[in-house]
Amino acid sequence: MNEAKHTADRLADAVRAILKEMGEDPSRDGLLRTPQRAAQALRFLTRGYAQNPLQIIQSAVFPSESHDMIIVKDIEIFSLCEHHLLPFYGRCHIGYVPAGRVVGVSKLARLAEAYSRRLQQQERLTHQIAVALMDALKPVGVGVVIEARHLCMMMRGVEKQNSAMVTSAMLGHFRSSMATRSEFLQLIGKSSPS
């Protein structure tokens, strides 16, 4: 039996045990295949563990004479809160000022995907994306902003459906230069603190 099949079987067994603990009958018609489907879903939702974010970036780095800010905004992200295993979802905005090298535009979305498809805290996710880009490209600076809605706040706990969490990571010139930070925030549609 290969390792992936063995892992899927163990996940399915765990889901079956959870269903029983909830008072459900995993052998009833509606739940008969639920353990296998839930195991497949969990593997899909956490597929970022099998990805190397630095390799994603390094596969498409190109020399460039540009020193102007590059931004990819509104990257959709989906993740699972590590505290409750409930989803959070939203948009990620990534900007950087190159210093001789740029990365293929799709790689920024793939970078966000690789880190978001793990059990996460939004704060750590934001920082991981920024640090990975800084380490791989050695740009003048990097800015990352994530706006997300957390089902752990919406469906349970305080049950606030209209709340959103906003996190930012500013490195290099994005941290040290108010002008750079302000330009980034303005271009992604966020107001800059005065």
C-alpha atoms as a PDB file:
ATOM      1  CA  MET A   1       0.000   0.000   0.000  1.00  0.00           C
ATOM      2  CA  ASN A   2       1.508   3.333  -0.976  1.00  0.00           C
ATOM      3  CA  GLU A   3       1.913   6.145   1.569  1.00  0.00           C
ATOM      4  CA  ALA A   4      -0.704   8.478   0.014  1.00  0.00           C
ATOM      5  CA  LYS A   5      -3.360   5.730   0.149  1.00  0.00           C
ATOM      6  CA  HIS A   6      -2.385   4.863   3.722  1.00  0.00           C
ATOM      7  CA  THR A   7      -2.639   8.542   4.762  1.00  0.00           C
ATOM      8  CA  ALA A   8      -6.056   8.888   3.059  1.00  0.00           C
ATOM      9  CA  ASP A   9      -7.294   5.779   4.888  1.00  0.00           C
ATOM     10  CA  ARG A  10      -6.092   7.143   8.251  1.00  0.00           C
ATOM     11  CA  LEU A  11      -7.779  10.500   7.577  1.00  0.00           C
ATOM     12  CA  ALA A  12     -11.012   8.744   6.609  1.00  0.00           C
ATOM     13  CA  ASP A  13     -10.862   6.668   9.808  1.00  0.00           C
ATOM     14  CA  ALA A  14     -10.368   9.860  11.838  1.00  0.00           C
ATOM     15  CA  VAL A  15     -13.388  11.516  10.182  1.00  0.00           C
ATOM     16  CA  ARG A  16     -15.457   8.396  10.837  1.00  0.00           C
ATOM     17  CA  ALA A  17     -14.467   8.575  14.533  1.00  0.00           C
ATOM     18  CA  ILE A  18     -15.404  12.278  14.676  1.00  0.00           C
ATOM     19  CA  LEU A  19     -18.826  11.527  13.154  1.00  0.00           C
ATOM     20  CA  LYS A  20     -19.416   8.855  15.803  1.00  0.00           C
ATOM     21  CA  GLU A  21     -18.350  11.234  18.597  1.00  0.00           C
ATOM     22  CA  MET A  22     -20.873  13.788  17.277  1.00  0.00           C
ATOM     23  CA  GLY A  23     -23.616  11.196  17.685  1.00  0.00           C
ATOM     24  CA  GLU A  24     -23.931  10.385  13.989  1.00  0.00           C
ATOM     25  CA  ASP A  25     -24.053   6.995  12.312  1.00  0.00           C
ATOM     26  CA  PRO A  26     -21.318   6.915   9.630  1.00  0.00           C
ATOM     27  CA  SER A  27     -22.990   3.879   8.062  1.00  0.00           C
ATOM     28  CA  ARG A  28     -26.216   5.704   7.169  1.00  0.00           C
ATOM     29  CA  ASP A  29     -26.797   6.460   3.482  1.00  0.00           C
ATOM     30  CA  GLY A  30     -26.018  10.177   3.594  1.00  0.00           C
ATOM     31  CA  LEU A  31     -22.727   9.660   5.445  1.00  0.00           C
ATOM     32  CA  LEU A  32     -21.542   6.395   3.920  1.00  0.00           C
ATOM     33  CA  ARG A  33     -18.834   7.994   1.741  1.00  0.00           C
ATOM     34  CA  THR A  34     -18.373  11.143   3.832  1.00  0.00           C
ATOM     35  CA  PRO A  35     -15.170   9.956   5.567  1.00  0.00           C
ATOM     36  CA  GLN A  36     -13.439   9.378   2.207  1.00  0.00           C
ATOM     37  CA  ARG A  37     -14.754  12.626   0.702  1.00  0.00           C
ATOM     38  CA  ALA A  38     -13.742  14.623   3.788  1.00  0.00           C
ATOM     39  CA  ALA A  39     -10.266  13.043   3.720  1.00  0.00           C
ATOM     40  CA  GLN A  40      -9.878  14.011   0.044  1.00  0.00           C
ATOM     41  CA  ALA A  41     -11.075  17.530   0.810  1.00  0.00           C
ATOM     42  CA  LEU A  42      -8.600  17.920   3.678  1.00  0.00           C
ATOM     43  CA  ARG A  43      -5.706  16.743   1.475  1.00  0.00           C
ATOM     44  CA  PHE A  44      -6.769  19.252  -1.200  1.00  0.00           C
ATOM     45  CA  LEU A  45      -7.245  22.134   1.250  1.00  0.00           C
ATOM     46  CA  THR A  46      -3.784  21.559   2.768  1.00  0.00           C
ATOM     47  CA  ARG A  47      -1.873  20.793  -0.434  1.00  0.00           C
ATOM     48  CA  GLY A  48       0.475  23.690   0.299  1.00  0.00           C
ATOM     49  CA  TYR A  49       2.484  21.426   2.607  1.00  0.00           C
ATOM     50  CA  ALA A  50       3.677  19.559  -0.499  1.00  0.00           C
ATOM     51  CA  GLN A  51       4.839  22.769  -2.227  1.00  0.00           C
ATOM     52  CA  ASN A  52       8.126  24.583  -1.800  1.00  0.00           C
ATOM     53  CA  PRO A  53       7.360  28.329  -1.993  1.00  0.00           C
ATOM     54  CA  LEU A  54      10.976  29.305  -2.785  1.00  0.00           C
ATOM     55  CA  GLN A  55      11.085  26.877  -5.706  1.00  0.00           C
ATOM     56  CA  ILE A  56       7.863  28.407  -7.021  1.00  0.00           C
ATOM     57  CA  ILE A  57       9.484  31.840  -7.142  1.00  0.00           C
ATOM     58  CA  GLN A  58      12.908  30.692  -8.331  1.00  0.00           C
ATOM     59  CA  SER A  59      11.355  28.885 -11.309  1.00  0.00           C
ATOM     60  CA  ALA A  60      10.556  32.237 -12.971  1.00  0.00           C
ATOM     61  CA  VAL A  61      13.069  34.922 -11.929  1.00  0.00           C
ATOM     62  CA  PHE A  62      14.211  37.241 -14.705  1.00  0.00           C
ATOM     63  CA  PRO A  63      16.766  40.063 -14.878  1.00  0.00           C
ATOM     64  CA  SER A  64      15.198  43.517 -15.113  1.00  0.00           C
ATOM     65  CA  GLU A  65      16.279  47.127 -15.102  1.00  0.00           C
ATOM     66  CA  SER A  66      12.939  48.210 -13.657  1.00  0.00           C
ATOM     67  CA  HIS A  67      13.001  50.017 -10.325  1.00  0.00           C
ATOM     68  CA  ASP A  68       9.297  50.812 -10.277  1.00  0.00           C
ATOM     69  CA  MET A  69       6.791  49.210  -7.951  1.00  0.00           C
ATOM     70  CA  ILE A  70       5.157  45.998  -9.140  1.00  0.00           C
ATOM     71  CA  ILE A  71       1.824  44.983  -7.603  1.00  0.00           C
ATOM     72  CA  VAL A  72      -0.512  42.049  -8.008  1.00  0.00           C
ATOM     73  CA  LYS A  73      -3.705  42.720  -6.112  1.00  0.00           C
ATOM     74  CA  ASP A  74      -6.917  40.901  -5.370  1.00  0.00           C
ATOM     75  CA  ILE A  75      -5.356  37.424  -5.314  1.00  0.00           C
ATOM     76  CA  GLU A  76      -8.093  35.200  -3.894  1.00  0.00           C
ATOM     77  CA  ILE A  77      -6.941  33.095  -0.965  1.00  0.00           C
ATOM     78  CA  PHE A  78      -8.582  30.267   0.945  1.00  0.00           C
ATOM     79  CA  SER A  79      -7.119  28.774   4.082  1.00  0.00           C
ATOM     80  CA  LEU A  80      -7.982  26.897   7.261  1.00  0.00           C
ATOM     81  CA  CYS A  81      -7.663  28.539  10.661  1.00  0.00           C
ATOM     82  CA  GLU A  82      -5.293  26.439  12.724  1.00  0.00           C
ATOM     83  CA  HIS A  83      -7.279  27.104  15.900  1.00  0.00           C
ATOM     84  CA  HIS A  84     -10.670  25.720  14.802  1.00  0.00           C
ATOM     85  CA  LEU A  85      -9.986  24.080  11.413  1.00  0.00           C
ATOM     86  CA  LEU A  86     -12.582  26.406   9.904  1.00  0.00           C
ATOM     87  CA  PRO A  87     -12.028  28.272   6.636  1.00  0.00           C
ATOM     88  CA  PHE A  88     -10.972  31.851   6.188  1.00  0.00           C
ATOM     89  CA  TYR A  89     -10.976  33.486   2.795  1.00  0.00           C
ATOM     90  CA  GLY A  90     -10.224  36.816   1.217  1.00  0.00           C
ATOM     91  CA  ARG A  91      -7.828  38.761  -0.945  1.00  0.00           C
ATOM     92  CA  CYS A  92      -4.082  39.159  -0.894  1.00  0.00           C
ATOM     93  CA  HIS A  93      -2.220  42.137  -2.344  1.00  0.00           C
ATOM     94  CA  ILE A  94       1.517  41.786  -3.013  1.00  0.00           C
ATOM     95  CA  GLY A  95       3.874  44.556  -4.061  1.00  0.00           C
ATOM     96  CA  TYR A  96       7.625  44.890  -4.420  1.00  0.00           C
ATOM     97  CA  VAL A  97      10.244  47.232  -5.805  1.00  0.00           C
ATOM     98  CA  PRO A  98      12.767  45.177  -7.791  1.00  0.00           C
ATOM     99  CA  ALA A  99      16.538  45.472  -7.487  1.00  0.00           C
ATOM    100  CA  GLY A 100      17.678  43.897 -10.750  1.00  0.00           C
ATOM    101  CA  ARG A 101      15.309  40.906 -10.765  1.00  0.00           C
ATOM    102  CA  VAL A 102      11.588  40.355 -11.240  1.00  0.00           C
ATOM    103  CA  VAL A 103       9.423  37.255 -10.917  1.00  0.00           C
ATOM    104  CA  GLY A 104       6.759  36.027 -13.329  1.00  0.00           C
ATOM    105  CA  VAL A 105       3.446  37.564 -12.322  1.00  0.00           C
ATOM    106  CA  SER A 106       1.618  34.249 -11.848  1.00  0.00           C
ATOM    107  CA  LYS A 107       4.276  33.139  -9.359  1.00  0.00           C
ATOM    108  CA  LEU A 108       3.066  35.744  -6.850  1.00  0.00           C
ATOM    109  CA  ALA A 109      -0.394  34.158  -6.886  1.00  0.00           C
ATOM    110  CA  ARG A 110       1.172  30.692  -6.640  1.00  0.00           C
ATOM    111  CA  LEU A 111       3.273  31.856  -3.681  1.00  0.00           C
ATOM    112  CA  ALA A 112       0.157  33.071  -1.850  1.00  0.00           C
ATOM    113  CA  GLU A 113      -1.563  29.780  -2.687  1.00  0.00           C
ATOM    114  CA  ALA A 114       1.303  27.614  -1.410  1.00  0.00           C
ATOM    115  CA  TYR A 115       1.261  29.281   1.997  1.00  0.00           C
ATOM    116  CA  SER A 116      -2.515  29.685   2.299  1.00  0.00           C
ATOM    117  CA  ARG A 117      -3.204  25.997   1.595  1.00  0.00           C
ATOM    118  CA  ARG A 118      -1.900  25.016   5.032  1.00  0.00           C
ATOM    119  CA  LEU A 119      -3.284  25.332   8.536  1.00  0.00           C
ATOM    120  CA  GLN A 120      -2.676  29.018   9.149  1.00  0.00           C
ATOM    121  CA  GLN A 121      -2.974  32.175  11.149  1.00  0.00           C
ATOM    122  CA  GLN A 122      -3.598  35.146   8.887  1.00  0.00           C
ATOM    123  CA  GLU A 123      -0.832  37.125  10.566  1.00  0.00           C
ATOM    124  CA  ARG A 124       1.747  34.398   9.882  1.00  0.00           C
ATOM    125  CA  LEU A 125       0.482  33.869   6.330  1.00  0.00           C
ATOM    126  CA  THR A 126       0.990  37.556   5.517  1.00  0.00           C
ATOM    127  CA  HIS A 127       4.514  37.543   6.949  1.00  0.00           C
ATOM    128  CA  GLN A 128       5.507  34.257   5.236  1.00  0.00           C
ATOM    129  CA  ILE A 129       4.578  35.579   1.797  1.00  0.00           C
ATOM    130  CA  ALA A 130       6.555  38.792   2.340  1.00  0.00           C
ATOM    131  CA  VAL A 131       9.654  37.048   3.710  1.00  0.00           C
ATOM    132  CA  ALA A 132       9.691  34.426   0.936  1.00  0.00           C
ATOM    133  CA  LEU A 133       9.580  37.124  -1.736  1.00  0.00           C
ATOM    134  CA  MET A 134      12.241  39.179   0.050  1.00  0.00           C
ATOM    135  CA  ASP A 135      14.531  36.145   0.427  1.00  0.00           C
ATOM    136  CA  ALA A 136      14.098  34.948  -3.166  1.00  0.00           C
ATOM    137  CA  LEU A 137      14.372  38.258  -5.054  1.00  0.00           C
ATOM    138  CA  LYS A 138      16.348  40.518  -2.685  1.00  0.00           C
ATOM    139  CA  PRO A 139      14.215  43.485  -3.807  1.00  0.00           C
ATOM    140  CA  VAL A 140      14.358  47.032  -2.437  1.00  0.00           C
ATOM    141  CA  GLY A 141      11.238  46.201  -0.445  1.00  0.00           C
ATOM    142  CA  VAL A 142       8.089  44.110  -0.207  1.00  0.00           C
ATOM    143  CA  GLY A 143       4.561  44.864   0.962  1.00  0.00           C
ATOM    144  CA  VAL A 144       1.794  42.310   1.539  1.00  0.00           C
ATOM    145  CA  VAL A 145      -1.747  43.056   2.725  1.00  0.00           C
ATOM    146  CA  ILE A 146      -4.388  40.388   3.314  1.00  0.00           C
ATOM    147  CA  GLU A 147      -8.070  41.100   3.969  1.00  0.00           C
ATOM    148  CA  ALA A 148     -10.005  38.022   5.056  1.00  0.00           C
ATOM    149  CA  ARG A 149     -13.232  36.805   6.599  1.00  0.00           C
ATOM    150  CA  HIS A 150     -12.967  34.065   9.207  1.00  0.00           C
ATOM    151  CA  LEU A 151     -15.730  31.517   9.611  1.00  0.00           C
ATOM    152  CA  CYS A 152     -14.527  30.884  13.164  1.00  0.00           C
ATOM    153  CA  MET A 153     -15.791  34.420  13.922  1.00  0.00           C
ATOM    154  CA  MET A 154     -18.813  34.277  11.637  1.00  0.00           C
ATOM    155  CA  MET A 155     -20.299  30.854  12.426  1.00  0.00           C
ATOM    156  CA  ARG A 156     -19.298  30.435  16.074  1.00  0.00           C
ATOM    157  CA  GLY A 157     -17.941  32.514  18.947  1.00  0.00           C
ATOM    158  CA  VAL A 158     -18.970  36.143  18.525  1.00  0.00           C
ATOM    159  CA  GLU A 159     -20.940  35.383  15.306  1.00  0.00           C
ATOM    160  CA  LYS A 160     -20.083  38.643  13.541  1.00  0.00           C
ATOM    161  CA  GLN A 161     -20.815  38.077   9.848  1.00  0.00           C
ATOM    162  CA  ASN A 162     -19.616  41.441   8.538  1.00  0.00           C
ATOM    163  CA  SER A 163     -16.221  41.525  10.199  1.00  0.00           C
ATOM    164  CA  ALA A 164     -12.995  41.307   8.215  1.00  0.00           C
ATOM    165  CA  MET A 165      -9.420  41.032   9.408  1.00  0.00           C
ATOM    166  CA  VAL A 166      -6.693  43.055   7.688  1.00  0.00           C
ATOM    167  CA  THR A 167      -3.016  42.214   8.149  1.00  0.00           C
ATOM    168  CA  SER A 168       0.084  43.697   6.581  1.00  0.00           C
ATOM    169  CA  ALA A 169       3.776  42.911   6.333  1.00  0.00           C
ATOM    170  CA  MET A 170       6.086  45.665   5.154  1.00  0.00           C
ATOM    171  CA  LEU A 171       9.766  44.866   4.596  1.00  0.00           C
ATOM    172  CA  GLY A 172      12.700  46.926   3.375  1.00  0.00           C
ATOM    173  CA  HIS A 173      11.709  50.228   1.782  1.00  0.00           C
ATOM    174  CA  PHE A 174       8.022  49.500   2.395  1.00  0.00           C
ATOM    175  CA  ARG A 175       8.778  49.696   6.126  1.00  0.00           C
ATOM    176  CA  SER A 176      11.353  52.502   6.145  1.00  0.00           C
ATOM    177  CA  SER A 177       9.816  54.836   3.561  1.00  0.00           C
ATOM    178  CA  MET A 178       6.399  56.336   4.230  1.00  0.00           C
ATOM    179  CA  ALA A 179       6.234  57.407   0.561  1.00  0.00           C
ATOM    180  CA  THR A 180       6.748  53.834  -0.688  1.00  0.00           C
ATOM    181  CA  ARG A 181       4.252  52.423   1.799  1.00  0.00           C
ATOM    182  CA  SER A 182       1.701  55.132   0.929  1.00  0.00           C
ATOM    183  CA  GLU A 183       2.073  54.501  -2.809  1.00  0.00           C
ATOM    184  CA  PHE A 184       1.510  50.776  -2.286  1.00  0.00           C
ATOM    185  CA  LEU A 185      -1.527  51.277  -0.069  1.00  0.00           C
ATOM    186  CA  GLN A 186      -3.008  53.821  -2.465  1.00  0.00           C
ATOM    187  CA  LEU A 187      -2.517  51.548  -5.458  1.00  0.00           C
ATOM    188  CA  ILE A 188      -4.242  48.610  -3.740  1.00  0.00           C
ATOM    189  CA  GLY A 189      -7.115  50.891  -2.722  1.00  0.00           C
ATOM    190  CA  LYS A 190      -6.303  51.306   0.956  1.00  0.00           C
ATOM    191  CA  SER A 191      -5.810  54.647   2.613  1.00  0.00           C
ATOM    192  CA  SER A 192      -2.436  55.324   4.169  1.00  0.00           C
ATOM    193  CA  PRO A 193      -2.172  56.562   7.743  1.00  0.00           C
ATOM    194  CA  SER A 194      -1.269  60.244   7.818  1.00  0.00           C
END
